């Protein structure tokens, strides 16, 4: 049994009844999105346990083998070619261990959200589409569906009930918006409910996006 990933936890209130597992991008770490909690409008929401895991470190091919935090290796700039399937599946198992821990702590799957930026977004989709139970939601920021052909074959019937929030920058030089749009269209073809927004930004976040995240959290957690 592999050890659980290191995490930073922040509760928005006492006795949280919702867990959000929020994954960072390539080369970042668990601290990356902690400051964003002050930006979100959490009024009217139940108490949330925000969990920010650290990916393990590994040499990343596209960065000359430099060792950094990464959910999987990036072999080529064309993200759809030579994908690190073994790395994706290994990290998926580690994210699933975090989901299992939340369930053991009394948070049902239906009150767990997976969230992530860039590589963390890819992990959100890699993991979320294969879950045997409906989750509260998948929050997908500036990323894509990895090993998309496998996702089409491996997604579960139960996961089709999980709402997906997907956003991207129209001027993103790291993950072209066209790649994200292909992922969105694939998800819709498979039968997922996808809320999509794109913004006049690069590979980053913007204030309009924060507003949309806050509104989406209210929809999926309060109704």
Protein backbone atom coordinates (compact mmCIF):
# COMPACT_ATOMS: atom_id res chain seq x y z
CA UNK A 1 0.00 0.00 0.00
CA UNK A 2 1.55 3.29 -1.04
CA UNK A 3 1.71 6.10 1.49
CA UNK A 4 -0.87 8.87 1.24
CA UNK A 5 0.19 12.02 -0.54
CA UNK A 6 1.20 14.94 1.67
CA UNK A 7 -1.63 17.46 1.90
CA UNK A 8 -2.46 20.91 3.19
CA UNK A 9 -5.96 21.09 4.68
CA UNK A 10 -8.08 24.20 5.24
CA UNK A 11 -11.61 24.04 6.66
CA UNK A 12 -14.04 26.81 5.79
CA UNK A 13 -16.00 26.10 8.99
CA UNK A 14 -16.44 23.65 11.85
CA UNK A 15 -17.41 20.03 11.14
CA UNK A 16 -17.11 20.08 7.33
CA UNK A 17 -19.66 18.03 5.39
CA UNK A 18 -18.02 18.58 1.97
CA UNK A 19 -14.47 17.80 0.80
CA UNK A 20 -12.76 19.42 -2.18
CA UNK A 21 -9.53 17.73 -3.30
CA UNK A 22 -7.71 20.40 -5.34
CA UNK A 23 -4.66 19.42 -7.41
CA UNK A 24 -1.88 21.75 -8.53
CA UNK A 25 -0.22 21.98 -11.93
CA UNK A 26 3.20 20.84 -13.14
CA UNK A 27 6.07 22.14 -11.03
CA UNK A 28 3.79 23.81 -8.47
CA UNK A 29 2.87 22.40 -5.07
CA UNK A 30 0.10 22.09 -2.51
CA UNK A 31 0.41 25.77 -1.53
CA UNK A 32 -0.49 26.98 -5.02
CA UNK A 33 -4.25 27.42 -4.62
CA UNK A 34 -4.50 28.00 -0.85
CA UNK A 35 -4.58 31.81 -1.34
CA UNK A 36 -7.55 31.44 -3.70
CA UNK A 37 -9.80 30.41 -0.81
CA UNK A 38 -9.92 34.07 0.21
CA UNK A 39 -11.14 34.96 -3.29
CA UNK A 40 -14.06 32.51 -3.41
CA UNK A 41 -17.50 33.54 -2.21
CA UNK A 42 -18.39 30.69 0.16
CA UNK A 43 -21.37 32.42 1.80
CA UNK A 44 -24.37 30.12 2.12
CA UNK A 45 -22.29 26.99 1.53
CA UNK A 46 -21.86 24.16 4.06
CA UNK A 47 -18.50 23.90 5.81
CA UNK A 48 -15.92 22.61 3.32
CA UNK A 49 -12.65 20.75 3.93
CA UNK A 50 -10.25 21.93 1.21
CA UNK A 51 -7.49 19.38 0.63
CA UNK A 52 -4.45 20.40 -1.42
CA UNK A 53 -2.20 17.40 -2.15
CA UNK A 54 1.44 17.52 -3.20
CA UNK A 55 2.22 15.44 -6.27
CA UNK A 56 5.33 13.30 -5.96
CA UNK A 57 8.54 14.50 -7.61
CA UNK A 58 9.83 12.98 -10.84
CA UNK A 59 12.09 13.87 -13.75
CA UNK A 60 10.03 15.61 -16.46
CA UNK A 61 11.18 14.81 -19.99
CA UNK A 62 10.01 18.04 -21.61
CA UNK A 63 11.97 20.03 -19.00
CA UNK A 64 15.23 18.23 -19.74
CA UNK A 65 14.70 15.61 -17.06
CA UNK A 66 14.57 18.22 -14.30
CA UNK A 67 13.04 16.75 -11.15
CA UNK A 68 9.88 18.56 -10.02
CA UNK A 69 6.44 17.88 -8.62
CA UNK A 70 4.39 16.28 -11.38
CA UNK A 71 1.35 14.04 -11.57
CA UNK A 72 2.80 12.36 -14.67
CA UNK A 73 5.61 12.87 -17.17
CA UNK A 74 5.22 15.18 -20.16
CA UNK A 75 7.09 13.60 -23.04
CA UNK A 76 6.20 15.95 -25.94
CA UNK A 77 4.74 19.41 -26.47
CA UNK A 78 1.93 17.74 -28.41
CA UNK A 79 0.04 16.64 -25.31
CA UNK A 80 -1.96 14.03 -27.20
CA UNK A 81 1.12 12.10 -28.29
CA UNK A 82 3.23 9.71 -26.19
CA UNK A 83 1.19 10.21 -23.04
CA UNK A 84 2.55 8.82 -19.78
CA UNK A 85 -0.27 6.37 -19.19
CA UNK A 86 1.57 4.55 -16.39
CA UNK A 87 2.18 7.80 -14.56
CA UNK A 88 -1.44 8.90 -14.97
CA UNK A 89 -2.74 5.62 -13.57
CA UNK A 90 -0.27 5.65 -10.65
CA UNK A 91 -1.37 9.16 -9.65
CA UNK A 92 -5.02 8.21 -10.14
CA UNK A 93 -4.56 5.50 -7.50
CA UNK A 94 -3.09 8.08 -5.12
CA UNK A 95 -6.00 10.47 -5.66
CA UNK A 96 -8.42 7.59 -5.11
CA UNK A 97 -6.67 6.90 -1.79
CA UNK A 98 -7.46 10.49 -0.76
CA UNK A 99 -11.11 9.98 -1.79
CA UNK A 100 -11.20 6.80 0.31
CA UNK A 101 -9.79 8.68 3.30
CA UNK A 102 -12.52 11.32 3.05
CA UNK A 103 -15.18 8.62 2.91
CA UNK A 104 -13.60 6.99 5.98
CA UNK A 105 -13.83 10.39 7.70
CA UNK A 106 -17.57 10.45 7.04
CA UNK A 107 -17.84 12.46 3.80
CA UNK A 108 -19.88 10.49 1.23
CA UNK A 109 -18.72 10.38 -2.40
CA UNK A 110 -21.70 12.54 -3.36
CA UNK A 111 -20.20 15.39 -1.26
CA UNK A 112 -16.64 15.13 -2.62
CA UNK A 113 -15.44 17.43 -5.42
CA UNK A 114 -12.26 16.80 -7.41
CA UNK A 115 -10.63 19.98 -8.68
CA UNK A 116 -7.40 20.81 -10.46
CA UNK A 117 -5.43 23.18 -12.65
CA UNK A 118 -3.53 22.09 -15.79
CA UNK A 119 -1.98 18.68 -14.92
CA UNK A 120 -4.21 18.73 -11.84
CA UNK A 121 -7.20 19.21 -14.14
CA UNK A 122 -6.09 16.23 -16.21
CA UNK A 123 -5.90 14.19 -12.99
CA UNK A 124 -9.38 15.39 -11.97
CA UNK A 125 -10.76 13.97 -15.21
CA UNK A 126 -8.53 10.88 -15.24
CA UNK A 127 -9.84 9.98 -11.78
CA UNK A 128 -13.35 11.39 -11.80
CA UNK A 129 -14.56 9.69 -14.98
CA UNK A 130 -13.63 6.27 -13.58
CA UNK A 131 -15.34 6.51 -10.19
CA UNK A 132 -17.84 3.81 -9.20
CA UNK A 133 -20.02 6.43 -7.48
CA UNK A 134 -21.36 9.86 -8.35
CA UNK A 135 -19.18 12.66 -7.00
CA UNK A 136 -20.43 16.15 -6.11
CA UNK A 137 -18.55 17.56 -9.10
CA UNK A 138 -15.37 17.86 -11.17
CA UNK A 139 -13.83 21.35 -11.34
CA UNK A 140 -11.53 21.42 -14.37
CA UNK A 141 -9.33 24.49 -14.78
CA UNK A 142 -7.15 24.96 -17.88
CA UNK A 143 -6.67 21.29 -18.68
CA UNK A 144 -7.87 18.40 -20.81
CA UNK A 145 -8.95 14.75 -20.79
CA UNK A 146 -5.77 12.63 -20.82
CA UNK A 147 -5.55 9.30 -22.69
CA UNK A 148 -8.89 10.32 -24.19
CA UNK A 149 -9.44 7.08 -26.13
CA UNK A 150 -9.13 5.10 -22.88
CA UNK A 151 -11.44 7.55 -21.06
CA UNK A 152 -14.17 6.89 -23.62
CA UNK A 153 -13.87 3.15 -22.96
CA UNK A 154 -13.30 3.25 -19.20
CA UNK A 155 -15.69 5.91 -17.89
CA UNK A 156 -18.33 4.54 -15.53
CA UNK A 157 -22.10 4.83 -15.81
CA UNK A 158 -22.21 6.26 -12.28
CA UNK A 159 -19.77 9.04 -13.17
CA UNK A 160 -22.14 10.33 -15.86
CA UNK A 161 -24.21 11.79 -12.99
CA UNK A 162 -21.24 13.92 -11.81
CA UNK A 163 -21.51 17.56 -13.00
CA UNK A 164 -18.41 18.95 -14.69
CA UNK A 165 -17.23 22.58 -14.60
CA UNK A 166 -14.62 23.27 -17.28
CA UNK A 167 -12.85 26.57 -18.04
CA UNK A 168 -9.93 27.65 -20.20
CA UNK A 169 -8.02 30.69 -21.42
CA UNK A 170 -8.46 31.54 -25.08
CA UNK A 171 -4.79 32.64 -25.33
CA UNK A 172 -3.36 29.67 -23.43
CA UNK A 173 0.13 28.93 -24.89
CA UNK A 174 0.65 25.80 -22.76
CA UNK A 175 -2.56 23.86 -23.44
CA UNK A 176 -4.26 25.28 -26.55
CA UNK A 177 -7.93 26.08 -26.07
CA UNK A 178 -8.70 23.77 -29.03
CA UNK A 179 -7.44 20.81 -26.96
CA UNK A 180 -9.74 21.77 -24.10
CA UNK A 181 -12.67 22.20 -26.50
CA UNK A 182 -12.02 18.70 -27.91
CA UNK A 183 -12.13 17.36 -24.34
CA UNK A 184 -15.35 19.24 -23.63
CA UNK A 185 -16.95 17.87 -26.79
CA UNK A 186 -15.83 14.32 -25.95
CA UNK A 187 -17.35 14.59 -22.47
CA UNK A 188 -20.64 15.84 -23.90
CA UNK A 189 -20.68 13.05 -26.48
CA UNK A 190 -20.21 10.53 -23.65
CA UNK A 191 -23.23 12.03 -21.90
CA UNK A 192 -21.72 14.26 -19.22
CA UNK A 193 -23.28 17.56 -18.17
CA UNK A 194 -20.53 20.15 -18.78
CA UNK A 195 -20.62 23.83 -17.83
CA UNK A 196 -18.03 25.55 -20.05
CA UNK A 197 -16.49 29.02 -19.89
CA UNK A 198 -13.53 30.49 -21.73
CA UNK A 199 -11.77 33.74 -20.89
CA UNK A 200 -9.42 36.32 -22.40
CA UNK A 201 -6.41 34.96 -20.48
CA UNK A 202 -3.40 32.71 -20.89
CA UNK A 203 -2.51 29.66 -18.75
CA UNK A 204 -3.70 31.23 -15.52
CA UNK A 205 -6.79 32.32 -13.59
CA UNK A 206 -8.91 35.45 -13.75
CA UNK A 207 -11.47 37.21 -11.58
CA UNK A 208 -14.41 36.28 -13.82
CA UNK A 209 -13.42 32.62 -13.41
CA UNK A 210 -13.40 32.95 -9.60
CA UNK A 211 -16.96 34.34 -9.76
CA UNK A 212 -18.06 31.41 -11.96
CA UNK A 213 -16.41 28.87 -9.62
CA UNK A 214 -18.22 30.36 -6.62
CA UNK A 215 -21.57 30.22 -8.42
CA UNK A 216 -20.98 26.64 -9.58
CA UNK A 217 -20.09 25.50 -6.05
CA UNK A 218 -23.40 26.92 -4.83
CA UNK A 219 -25.29 25.08 -7.58
CA UNK A 220 -23.73 21.67 -6.95
CA UNK A 221 -23.59 21.87 -3.15
CA UNK A 222 -26.80 23.72 -2.33
CA UNK A 223 -28.92 23.42 -5.48
